[in-house]
Amino acid sequence: MSTVTLPQDLGIESTSELKQQLADQLGLAGELRVDASQVGRIHTAALQVLCAFALARRQNGLVTVFDNASPTFRDAARLLGVLPALGLEATPDTMNSVENAA
């Protein structure tokens, strides 16, 4: 089992670097854990990269688990409707209907 740790800032400017970091792990056999505990800022583009990565691994019969997702990560995934694509379940704290107007 291997682990990839996501950085605190996953703004749009970091998407290319994220894609390259994940590309090295795309065909890695066995379960891959993605530690999302430090994510404090995440842009839609980064979530798209993560969804595509998880889907590509799943299509190749490989397991990807998102561990310890920070509230920011979970909330962004919920707002974009990609919790299931990332293998995350809705929790009471991610079911809040109040949206961030910022």
C-alpha atoms as a PDB file:
ATOM      1  CA  MET A   1       0.000   0.000   0.000  1.00  0.00           C
ATOM      2  CA  SER A   2       1.265   3.459  -0.928  1.00  0.00           C
ATOM      3  CA  THR A   3       0.187   6.908   0.168  1.00  0.00           C
ATOM      4  CA  VAL A   4       0.083  10.217  -1.679  1.00  0.00           C
ATOM      5  CA  THR A   5      -0.256  13.269   0.548  1.00  0.00           C
ATOM      6  CA  LEU A   6      -2.107  16.204  -0.961  1.00  0.00           C
ATOM      7  CA  PRO A   7      -0.775  19.689  -0.197  1.00  0.00           C
ATOM      8  CA  GLN A   8      -2.622  22.351   1.764  1.00  0.00           C
ATOM      9  CA  ASP A   9      -3.196  24.522  -1.318  1.00  0.00           C
ATOM     10  CA  LEU A  10      -4.768  22.926  -4.383  1.00  0.00           C
ATOM     11  CA  GLY A  11      -5.596  26.117  -6.248  1.00  0.00           C
ATOM     12  CA  ILE A  12      -5.887  26.153 -10.032  1.00  0.00           C
ATOM     13  CA  GLU A  13      -2.240  27.161 -10.321  1.00  0.00           C
ATOM     14  CA  SER A  14      -1.192  23.841  -8.749  1.00  0.00           C
ATOM     15  CA  THR A  15      -3.262  21.610 -11.025  1.00  0.00           C
ATOM     16  CA  SER A  16      -0.471  20.770 -13.489  1.00  0.00           C
ATOM     17  CA  GLU A  17       1.859  19.809 -10.670  1.00  0.00           C
ATOM     18  CA  LEU A  18      -0.886  17.686  -9.078  1.00  0.00           C
ATOM     19  CA  LYS A  19      -1.507  15.917 -12.381  1.00  0.00           C
ATOM     20  CA  GLN A  20       2.197  15.096 -12.726  1.00  0.00           C
ATOM     21  CA  GLN A  21       2.397  13.882  -9.115  1.00  0.00           C
ATOM     22  CA  LEU A  22      -0.563  11.569  -9.652  1.00  0.00           C
ATOM     23  CA  ALA A  23       0.621  10.329 -13.064  1.00  0.00           C
ATOM     24  CA  ASP A  24       3.484   8.527 -11.315  1.00  0.00           C
ATOM     25  CA  GLN A  25       0.909   6.647  -9.226  1.00  0.00           C
ATOM     26  CA  LEU A  26      -1.611   5.882 -11.975  1.00  0.00           C
ATOM     27  CA  GLY A  27      -0.574   2.286 -12.635  1.00  0.00           C
ATOM     28  CA  LEU A  28       0.765   1.519  -9.184  1.00  0.00           C
ATOM     29  CA  ALA A  29      -0.473  -1.917  -8.180  1.00  0.00           C
ATOM     30  CA  GLY A  30      -2.352  -2.405  -4.963  1.00  0.00           C
ATOM     31  CA  GLU A  31      -4.342   0.005  -2.886  1.00  0.00           C
ATOM     32  CA  LEU A  32      -3.332   3.659  -3.046  1.00  0.00           C
ATOM     33  CA  ARG A  33      -4.279   5.973  -0.219  1.00  0.00           C
ATOM     34  CA  VAL A  34      -4.639   9.689  -0.874  1.00  0.00           C
ATOM     35  CA  ASP A  35      -4.221  11.680   2.321  1.00  0.00           C
ATOM     36  CA  ALA A  36      -6.433  14.752   1.978  1.00  0.00           C
ATOM     37  CA  SER A  37      -6.179  15.827   5.628  1.00  0.00           C
ATOM     38  CA  GLN A  38      -4.112  18.958   4.971  1.00  0.00           C
ATOM     39  CA  VAL A  39      -6.223  20.429   2.144  1.00  0.00           C
ATOM     40  CA  GLY A  40      -7.304  23.923   3.128  1.00  0.00           C
ATOM     41  CA  ARG A  41      -7.974  25.341  -0.336  1.00  0.00           C
ATOM     42  CA  ILE A  42      -9.119  23.438  -3.394  1.00  0.00           C
ATOM     43  CA  HIS A  43     -10.195  24.561  -6.829  1.00  0.00           C
ATOM     44  CA  THR A  44     -12.649  22.783  -9.110  1.00  0.00           C
ATOM     45  CA  ALA A  45      -9.842  21.969 -11.551  1.00  0.00           C
ATOM     46  CA  ALA A  46      -7.946  20.056  -8.846  1.00  0.00           C
ATOM     47  CA  LEU A  47     -11.064  18.056  -7.997  1.00  0.00           C
ATOM     48  CA  GLN A  48     -11.492  17.257 -11.694  1.00  0.00           C
ATOM     49  CA  VAL A  49      -7.932  15.929 -11.822  1.00  0.00           C
ATOM     50  CA  LEU A  50      -8.530  13.827  -8.706  1.00  0.00           C
ATOM     51  CA  CYS A  51     -11.804  12.434 -10.095  1.00  0.00           C
ATOM     52  CA  ALA A  52     -10.172  11.531 -13.421  1.00  0.00           C
ATOM     53  CA  PHE A  53      -7.291   9.892 -11.561  1.00  0.00           C
ATOM     54  CA  ALA A  54      -9.598   7.837  -9.332  1.00  0.00           C
ATOM     55  CA  LEU A  55     -11.719   6.816 -12.332  1.00  0.00           C
ATOM     56  CA  ALA A  56      -8.687   5.754 -14.404  1.00  0.00           C
ATOM     57  CA  ARG A  57      -7.384   3.626 -11.539  1.00  0.00           C
ATOM     58  CA  ARG A  58     -10.846   2.108 -10.951  1.00  0.00           C
ATOM     59  CA  GLN A  59     -11.159   1.236 -14.657  1.00  0.00           C
ATOM     60  CA  ASN A  60      -7.858  -0.615 -14.365  1.00  0.00           C
ATOM     61  CA  GLY A  61      -9.099  -2.566 -11.360  1.00  0.00           C
ATOM     62  CA  LEU A  62      -7.020  -0.577  -8.889  1.00  0.00           C
ATOM     63  CA  VAL A  63      -8.263   0.760  -5.577  1.00  0.00           C
ATOM     64  CA  THR A  64      -7.855   4.397  -4.538  1.00  0.00           C
ATOM     65  CA  VAL A  65      -8.951   5.495  -1.064  1.00  0.00           C
ATOM     66  CA  PHE A  66      -9.217   9.129  -0.005  1.00  0.00           C
ATOM     67  CA  ASP A  67      -8.206   9.214   3.677  1.00  0.00           C
ATOM     68  CA  ASN A  68      -8.870  11.777   6.359  1.00  0.00           C
ATOM     69  CA  ALA A  69     -10.445  14.266   3.965  1.00  0.00           C
ATOM     70  CA  SER A  70     -10.406  17.724   5.500  1.00  0.00           C
ATOM     71  CA  PRO A  71     -13.703  19.581   5.899  1.00  0.00           C
ATOM     72  CA  THR A  72     -12.646  21.871   3.042  1.00  0.00           C
ATOM     73  CA  PHE A  73     -11.988  18.908   0.759  1.00  0.00           C
ATOM     74  CA  ARG A  74     -15.268  17.188   1.658  1.00  0.00           C
ATOM     75  CA  ASP A  75     -17.303  20.368   1.306  1.00  0.00           C
ATOM     76  CA  ALA A  76     -15.855  21.142  -2.127  1.00  0.00           C
ATOM     77  CA  ALA A  77     -16.500  17.571  -3.276  1.00  0.00           C
ATOM     78  CA  ARG A  78     -20.064  17.782  -1.979  1.00  0.00           C
ATOM     79  CA  LEU A  79     -20.727  21.130  -3.656  1.00  0.00           C
ATOM     80  CA  LEU A  80     -19.545  19.716  -6.977  1.00  0.00           C
ATOM     81  CA  GLY A  81     -21.409  16.433  -6.507  1.00  0.00           C
ATOM     82  CA  VAL A  82     -18.298  14.263  -6.706  1.00  0.00           C
ATOM     83  CA  LEU A  83     -18.306  12.582  -3.289  1.00  0.00           C
ATOM     84  CA  PRO A  84     -19.251   9.213  -4.871  1.00  0.00           C
ATOM     85  CA  ALA A  85     -16.634   9.583  -7.635  1.00  0.00           C
ATOM     86  CA  LEU A  86     -13.992   9.919  -4.934  1.00  0.00           C
ATOM     87  CA  GLY A  87     -15.416   7.086  -2.876  1.00  0.00           C
ATOM     88  CA  LEU A  88     -16.478   9.447  -0.100  1.00  0.00           C
ATOM     89  CA  GLU A  89     -19.753   9.278   1.723  1.00  0.00           C
ATOM     90  CA  ALA A  90     -21.830  12.237   2.752  1.00  0.00           C
ATOM     91  CA  THR A  91     -21.526  12.935   6.454  1.00  0.00           C
ATOM     92  CA  PRO A  92     -23.678  15.224   8.588  1.00  0.00           C
ATOM     93  CA  ASP A  93     -21.069  17.967   8.273  1.00  0.00           C
ATOM     94  CA  THR A  94     -21.109  17.717   4.455  1.00  0.00           C
ATOM     95  CA  MET A  95     -24.883  17.662   4.141  1.00  0.00           C
ATOM     96  CA  ASN A  96     -25.265  21.293   5.187  1.00  0.00           C
ATOM     97  CA  SER A  97     -27.338  23.140   2.614  1.00  0.00           C
ATOM     98  CA  VAL A  98     -25.696  26.516   3.262  1.00  0.00           C
ATOM     99  CA  GLU A  99     -23.431  27.424   0.383  1.00  0.00           C
ATOM    100  CA  ASN A 100     -20.332  29.582   0.522  1.00  0.00           C
ATOM    101  CA  ALA A 101     -21.257  32.772  -1.297  1.00  0.00           C
ATOM    102  CA  ALA A 102     -17.629  33.836  -1.664  1.00  0.00           C
END
